[in-house]
Amino acid sequence: MAEMQREVDRYISQYKEGYFSPLSMMARMSEEVGELAREVNHQFGEKPKRSDEAENSIEMELGDILFITICFANSLGIDLAEAHAKVMHKFNTRDADRWTKLNTD
């Protein structure tokens, strides 16, 4: 994850504009999540694509969301590996008995 954050930072750092403001990134993230929802609806829902709509994929939309998430974290100085570790700790403690575990015997 750290290398991905460095890679995105190298990319953004080559431009004078740099990272967008947190509010702009939140808007962009919302837009990307909407695009993902549209792709999921096309693939698994009842809304087929129009013949004139551009080809896209769930994979690419998830990639866009990952990119903007990394940009957001970088701009705020957040280490995503550390954030992930904290979230997993939360799930492994708070939700330890919430779901039915698979029998691995």
N, C-alpha and C. Protein backbone atom coordinates (compact mmCIF):
# COMPACT_ATOMS: atom_id res chain seq x y z
N MET A 1 0.83 -1.19 0.00
CA MET A 1 0.00 0.00 0.00
C MET A 1 0.88 1.26 0.00
N ALA A 2 1.97 1.21 0.77
CA ALA A 2 2.86 2.38 0.83
C ALA A 2 3.42 2.70 -0.55
N GLU A 3 3.77 1.67 -1.31
CA GLU A 3 4.31 1.91 -2.65
C GLU A 3 3.24 2.52 -3.55
N MET A 4 2.01 2.08 -3.42
CA MET A 4 0.93 2.66 -4.21
C MET A 4 0.76 4.13 -3.85
N GLN A 5 0.84 4.45 -2.56
CA GLN A 5 0.72 5.86 -2.15
C GLN A 5 1.88 6.68 -2.70
N ARG A 6 3.09 6.12 -2.71
CA ARG A 6 4.23 6.84 -3.27
C ARG A 6 4.08 7.03 -4.78
N GLU A 7 3.60 5.99 -5.46
CA GLU A 7 3.42 6.07 -6.92
C GLU A 7 2.42 7.17 -7.29
N VAL A 8 1.31 7.21 -6.58
CA VAL A 8 0.31 8.25 -6.84
C VAL A 8 0.89 9.63 -6.52
N ASP A 9 1.64 9.72 -5.43
CA ASP A 9 2.24 11.01 -5.08
C ASP A 9 3.23 11.47 -6.14
N ARG A 10 4.03 10.55 -6.67
CA ARG A 10 4.96 10.92 -7.75
C ARG A 10 4.18 11.44 -8.96
N TYR A 11 3.09 10.78 -9.28
CA TYR A 11 2.27 11.20 -10.42
C TYR A 11 1.70 12.59 -10.18
N ILE A 12 1.06 12.81 -9.04
CA ILE A 12 0.42 14.10 -8.74
C ILE A 12 1.46 15.21 -8.61
N SER A 13 2.61 14.88 -8.05
CA SER A 13 3.65 15.89 -7.79
C SER A 13 4.26 16.49 -9.06
N GLN A 14 4.05 15.87 -10.18
CA GLN A 14 4.61 16.41 -11.42
C GLN A 14 3.75 17.55 -11.99
N TYR A 15 2.62 17.83 -11.36
CA TYR A 15 1.71 18.87 -11.84
C TYR A 15 1.64 20.03 -10.85
N LYS A 16 1.65 21.21 -11.37
CA LYS A 16 1.60 22.43 -10.57
C LYS A 16 0.37 22.47 -9.66
N GLU A 17 -0.75 21.97 -10.16
CA GLU A 17 -2.01 22.02 -9.40
C GLU A 17 -1.98 21.16 -8.14
N GLY A 18 -1.23 20.08 -8.16
CA GLY A 18 -1.15 19.18 -7.01
C GLY A 18 -2.47 18.52 -6.69
N TYR A 19 -2.65 18.17 -5.43
CA TYR A 19 -3.88 17.51 -5.00
C TYR A 19 -5.02 18.52 -4.95
N PHE A 20 -6.21 18.03 -5.26
CA PHE A 20 -7.41 18.85 -5.12
C PHE A 20 -7.69 19.05 -3.62
N SER A 21 -8.56 19.99 -3.31
CA SER A 21 -8.96 20.20 -1.92
C SER A 21 -9.77 18.99 -1.44
N PRO A 22 -9.82 18.78 -0.11
CA PRO A 22 -10.61 17.65 0.40
C PRO A 22 -12.07 17.68 -0.07
N LEU A 23 -12.67 18.84 -0.13
CA LEU A 23 -14.06 18.92 -0.58
C LEU A 23 -14.18 18.49 -2.04
N SER A 24 -13.26 18.93 -2.88
CA SER A 24 -13.29 18.52 -4.29
C SER A 24 -13.05 17.02 -4.44
N MET A 25 -12.15 16.49 -3.61
CA MET A 25 -11.91 15.04 -3.70
C MET A 25 -13.11 14.25 -3.21
N MET A 26 -13.81 14.76 -2.21
CA MET A 26 -15.02 14.09 -1.74
C MET A 26 -16.07 14.06 -2.85
N ALA A 27 -16.20 15.17 -3.57
CA ALA A 27 -17.14 15.23 -4.68
C ALA A 27 -16.72 14.25 -5.77
N ARG A 28 -15.42 14.21 -6.05
CA ARG A 28 -14.94 13.29 -7.09
C ARG A 28 -15.15 11.85 -6.67
N MET A 29 -14.91 11.53 -5.40
CA MET A 29 -15.12 10.17 -4.92
C MET A 29 -16.59 9.79 -5.06
N SER A 30 -17.48 10.71 -4.72
CA SER A 30 -18.92 10.44 -4.86
C SER A 30 -19.27 10.17 -6.32
N GLU A 31 -18.68 10.94 -7.21
CA GLU A 31 -18.91 10.74 -8.65
C GLU A 31 -18.44 9.36 -9.09
N GLU A 32 -17.25 8.96 -8.63
CA GLU A 32 -16.71 7.65 -9.01
C GLU A 32 -17.55 6.51 -8.45
N VAL A 33 -18.04 6.66 -7.22
CA VAL A 33 -18.90 5.63 -6.64
C VAL A 33 -20.20 5.52 -7.44
N GLY A 34 -20.71 6.66 -7.91
CA GLY A 34 -21.89 6.64 -8.77
C GLY A 34 -21.63 5.90 -10.08
N GLU A 35 -20.44 6.10 -10.65
CA GLU A 35 -20.09 5.40 -11.88
C GLU A 35 -19.96 3.90 -11.64
N LEU A 36 -19.43 3.51 -10.47
CA LEU A 36 -19.37 2.10 -10.12
C LEU A 36 -20.78 1.52 -9.99
N ALA A 37 -21.66 2.26 -9.33
CA ALA A 37 -23.04 1.80 -9.17
C ALA A 37 -23.70 1.59 -10.52
N ARG A 38 -23.44 2.50 -11.45
CA ARG A 38 -24.01 2.37 -12.79
C ARG A 38 -23.52 1.10 -13.48
N GLU A 39 -22.21 0.82 -13.37
CA GLU A 39 -21.65 -0.39 -13.98
C GLU A 39 -22.22 -1.65 -13.34
N VAL A 40 -22.35 -1.66 -12.02
CA VAL A 40 -22.92 -2.82 -11.34
C VAL A 40 -24.37 -3.01 -11.78
N ASN A 41 -25.10 -1.92 -11.90
CA ASN A 41 -26.49 -2.01 -12.35
C ASN A 41 -26.57 -2.54 -13.77
N HIS A 42 -25.66 -2.12 -14.63
CA HIS A 42 -25.65 -2.63 -16.02
C HIS A 42 -25.35 -4.13 -16.04
N GLN A 43 -24.40 -4.55 -15.22
CA GLN A 43 -23.98 -5.95 -15.25
C GLN A 43 -24.91 -6.88 -14.49
N PHE A 44 -25.42 -6.43 -13.34
CA PHE A 44 -26.19 -7.32 -12.48
C PHE A 44 -27.63 -6.88 -12.28
N GLY A 45 -27.96 -5.69 -12.71
CA GLY A 45 -29.29 -5.16 -12.48
C GLY A 45 -30.18 -5.26 -13.72
N GLU A 46 -31.22 -4.48 -13.68
CA GLU A 46 -32.22 -4.53 -14.75
C GLU A 46 -32.05 -3.40 -15.75
N LYS A 47 -30.92 -2.73 -15.74
CA LYS A 47 -30.73 -1.58 -16.62
C LYS A 47 -29.60 -1.86 -17.61
N PRO A 48 -29.93 -2.35 -18.79
CA PRO A 48 -28.87 -2.60 -19.78
C PRO A 48 -28.30 -1.28 -20.31
N LYS A 49 -27.08 -1.36 -20.81
CA LYS A 49 -26.46 -0.18 -21.41
C LYS A 49 -27.15 0.16 -22.72
N ARG A 50 -27.16 1.46 -23.01
CA ARG A 50 -27.62 1.89 -24.33
C ARG A 50 -26.53 1.57 -25.33
N SER A 51 -26.90 1.42 -26.56
CA SER A 51 -25.92 1.06 -27.59
C SER A 51 -24.87 2.14 -27.79
N ASP A 52 -25.18 3.40 -27.45
CA ASP A 52 -24.23 4.49 -27.65
C ASP A 52 -23.38 4.77 -26.41
N GLU A 53 -23.56 3.98 -25.33
CA GLU A 53 -22.77 4.20 -24.12
C GLU A 53 -21.39 3.58 -24.25
N ALA A 54 -20.40 4.29 -23.70
CA ALA A 54 -19.02 3.82 -23.77
C ALA A 54 -18.84 2.55 -22.96
N GLU A 55 -17.93 1.70 -23.43
CA GLU A 55 -17.59 0.49 -22.69
C GLU A 55 -16.84 0.90 -21.43
N ASN A 56 -17.15 0.26 -20.35
CA ASN A 56 -16.47 0.50 -19.09
C ASN A 56 -16.54 -0.79 -18.31
N SER A 57 -15.94 -0.83 -17.14
CA SER A 57 -15.97 -2.07 -16.38
C SER A 57 -15.96 -1.77 -14.89
N ILE A 58 -16.43 -2.73 -14.13
CA ILE A 58 -16.40 -2.62 -12.68
C ILE A 58 -14.94 -2.50 -12.23
N GLU A 59 -14.06 -3.25 -12.86
CA GLU A 59 -12.64 -3.19 -12.52
C GLU A 59 -12.08 -1.77 -12.65
N MET A 60 -12.37 -1.11 -13.75
CA MET A 60 -11.87 0.24 -13.96
C MET A 60 -12.48 1.22 -12.97
N GLU A 61 -13.76 1.07 -12.67
CA GLU A 61 -14.40 1.96 -11.70
C GLU A 61 -13.82 1.76 -10.31
N LEU A 62 -13.55 0.52 -9.92
CA LEU A 62 -12.90 0.27 -8.64
C LEU A 62 -11.50 0.87 -8.63
N GLY A 63 -10.80 0.78 -9.76
CA GLY A 63 -9.49 1.40 -9.87
C GLY A 63 -9.56 2.91 -9.69
N ASP A 64 -10.56 3.53 -10.29
CA ASP A 64 -10.75 4.98 -10.12
C ASP A 64 -11.00 5.34 -8.66
N ILE A 65 -11.80 4.53 -7.99
CA ILE A 65 -12.09 4.78 -6.57
C ILE A 65 -10.83 4.59 -5.74
N LEU A 66 -10.04 3.58 -6.05
CA LEU A 66 -8.78 3.37 -5.34
C LEU A 66 -7.85 4.56 -5.54
N PHE A 67 -7.75 5.06 -6.78
CA PHE A 67 -6.88 6.20 -7.06
C PHE A 67 -7.30 7.43 -6.27
N ILE A 68 -8.58 7.75 -6.28
CA ILE A 68 -9.03 8.95 -5.56
C ILE A 68 -8.91 8.75 -4.05
N THR A 69 -9.09 7.52 -3.57
CA THR A 69 -8.89 7.24 -2.15
C THR A 69 -7.43 7.48 -1.76
N ILE A 70 -6.51 7.04 -2.59
CA ILE A 70 -5.09 7.26 -2.31
C ILE A 70 -4.77 8.75 -2.37
N CYS A 71 -5.32 9.45 -3.37
CA CYS A 71 -5.10 10.90 -3.44
C CYS A 71 -5.60 11.58 -2.18
N PHE A 72 -6.79 11.21 -1.75
CA PHE A 72 -7.40 11.79 -0.56
C PHE A 72 -6.50 11.56 0.65
N ALA A 73 -6.07 10.31 0.83
CA ALA A 73 -5.22 9.97 1.97
C ALA A 73 -3.90 10.73 1.90
N ASN A 74 -3.28 10.75 0.73
CA ASN A 74 -2.00 11.45 0.59
C ASN A 74 -2.14 12.93 0.94
N SER A 75 -3.19 13.54 0.46
CA SER A 75 -3.36 14.97 0.69
C SER A 75 -3.54 15.30 2.17
N LEU A 76 -4.03 14.33 2.94
CA LEU A 76 -4.27 14.54 4.37
C LEU A 76 -3.19 13.90 5.24
N GLY A 77 -2.17 13.30 4.60
CA GLY A 77 -1.09 12.68 5.35
C GLY A 77 -1.50 11.40 6.07
N ILE A 78 -2.43 10.66 5.49
CA ILE A 78 -2.92 9.43 6.10
C ILE A 78 -2.20 8.24 5.48
N ASP A 79 -1.65 7.38 6.33
CA ASP A 79 -1.01 6.14 5.90
C ASP A 79 -2.12 5.09 5.76
N LEU A 80 -2.40 4.68 4.53
CA LEU A 80 -3.51 3.76 4.31
C LEU A 80 -3.26 2.37 4.88
N ALA A 81 -2.01 1.93 4.95
CA ALA A 81 -1.71 0.64 5.58
C ALA A 81 -2.06 0.69 7.06
N GLU A 82 -1.74 1.79 7.70
CA GLU A 82 -2.08 1.96 9.12
C GLU A 82 -3.60 2.06 9.30
N ALA A 83 -4.25 2.79 8.41
CA ALA A 83 -5.71 2.90 8.48
C ALA A 83 -6.36 1.53 8.30
N HIS A 84 -5.83 0.74 7.36
CA HIS A 84 -6.35 -0.61 7.13
C HIS A 84 -6.17 -1.48 8.37
N ALA A 85 -5.00 -1.41 8.98
CA ALA A 85 -4.73 -2.20 10.19
C ALA A 85 -5.72 -1.84 11.31
N LYS A 86 -6.00 -0.55 11.46
CA LYS A 86 -6.94 -0.11 12.49
C LYS A 86 -8.36 -0.61 12.20
N VAL A 87 -8.75 -0.57 10.95
CA VAL A 87 -10.09 -1.04 10.57
C VAL A 87 -10.21 -2.54 10.79
N MET A 88 -9.17 -3.29 10.40
CA MET A 88 -9.22 -4.74 10.59
C MET A 88 -9.27 -5.09 12.08
N HIS A 89 -8.55 -4.34 12.89
CA HIS A 89 -8.61 -4.57 14.35
C HIS A 89 -10.04 -4.34 14.84
N LYS A 90 -10.65 -3.28 14.35
CA LYS A 90 -12.03 -2.97 14.74
C LYS A 90 -12.96 -4.13 14.36
N PHE A 91 -12.85 -4.61 13.12
CA PHE A 91 -13.72 -5.70 12.69
C PHE A 91 -13.44 -6.99 13.44
N ASN A 92 -12.16 -7.26 13.71
CA ASN A 92 -11.79 -8.50 14.40
C ASN A 92 -12.15 -8.48 15.87
N THR A 93 -12.41 -7.34 16.44
CA THR A 93 -12.83 -7.27 17.85
C THR A 93 -14.32 -7.00 17.96
N ARG A 94 -14.77 -5.89 17.43
CA ARG A 94 -16.17 -5.50 17.55
C ARG A 94 -17.10 -6.52 16.88
N ASP A 95 -16.71 -7.01 15.71
CA ASP A 95 -17.58 -7.89 14.93
C ASP A 95 -17.14 -9.35 14.97
N ALA A 96 -16.30 -9.71 15.95
CA ALA A 96 -15.74 -11.06 16.00
C ALA A 96 -16.81 -12.15 15.99
N ASP A 97 -17.93 -11.91 16.63
CA ASP A 97 -18.98 -12.94 16.71
C ASP A 97 -20.26 -12.52 15.99
N ARG A 98 -20.14 -11.55 15.13
CA ARG A 98 -21.33 -11.03 14.45
C ARG A 98 -21.83 -11.94 13.34
N TRP A 99 -20.94 -12.60 12.65
CA TRP A 99 -21.29 -13.40 11.48
C TRP A 99 -21.05 -14.87 11.76
N THR A 100 -21.70 -15.73 11.02
CA THR A 100 -21.54 -17.16 11.17
C THR A 100 -20.25 -17.60 10.48
N LYS A 101 -19.33 -18.13 11.25
CA LYS A 101 -18.04 -18.55 10.69
C LYS A 101 -18.18 -19.88 9.98
N LEU A 102 -17.37 -20.05 8.96
CA LEU A 102 -17.32 -21.32 8.25
C LEU A 102 -16.68 -22.36 9.16
N ASN A 103 -17.17 -23.57 9.09
CA ASN A 103 -16.58 -24.66 9.86
C ASN A 103 -15.34 -25.12 9.12
N THR A 104 -14.18 -24.92 9.71
CA THR A 104 -12.92 -25.28 9.05
C THR A 104 -12.32 -26.56 9.61
N ASP A 105 -13.11 -27.34 10.32
CA ASP A 105 -12.60 -28.61 10.88
C ASP A 105 -12.49 -29.66 9.83
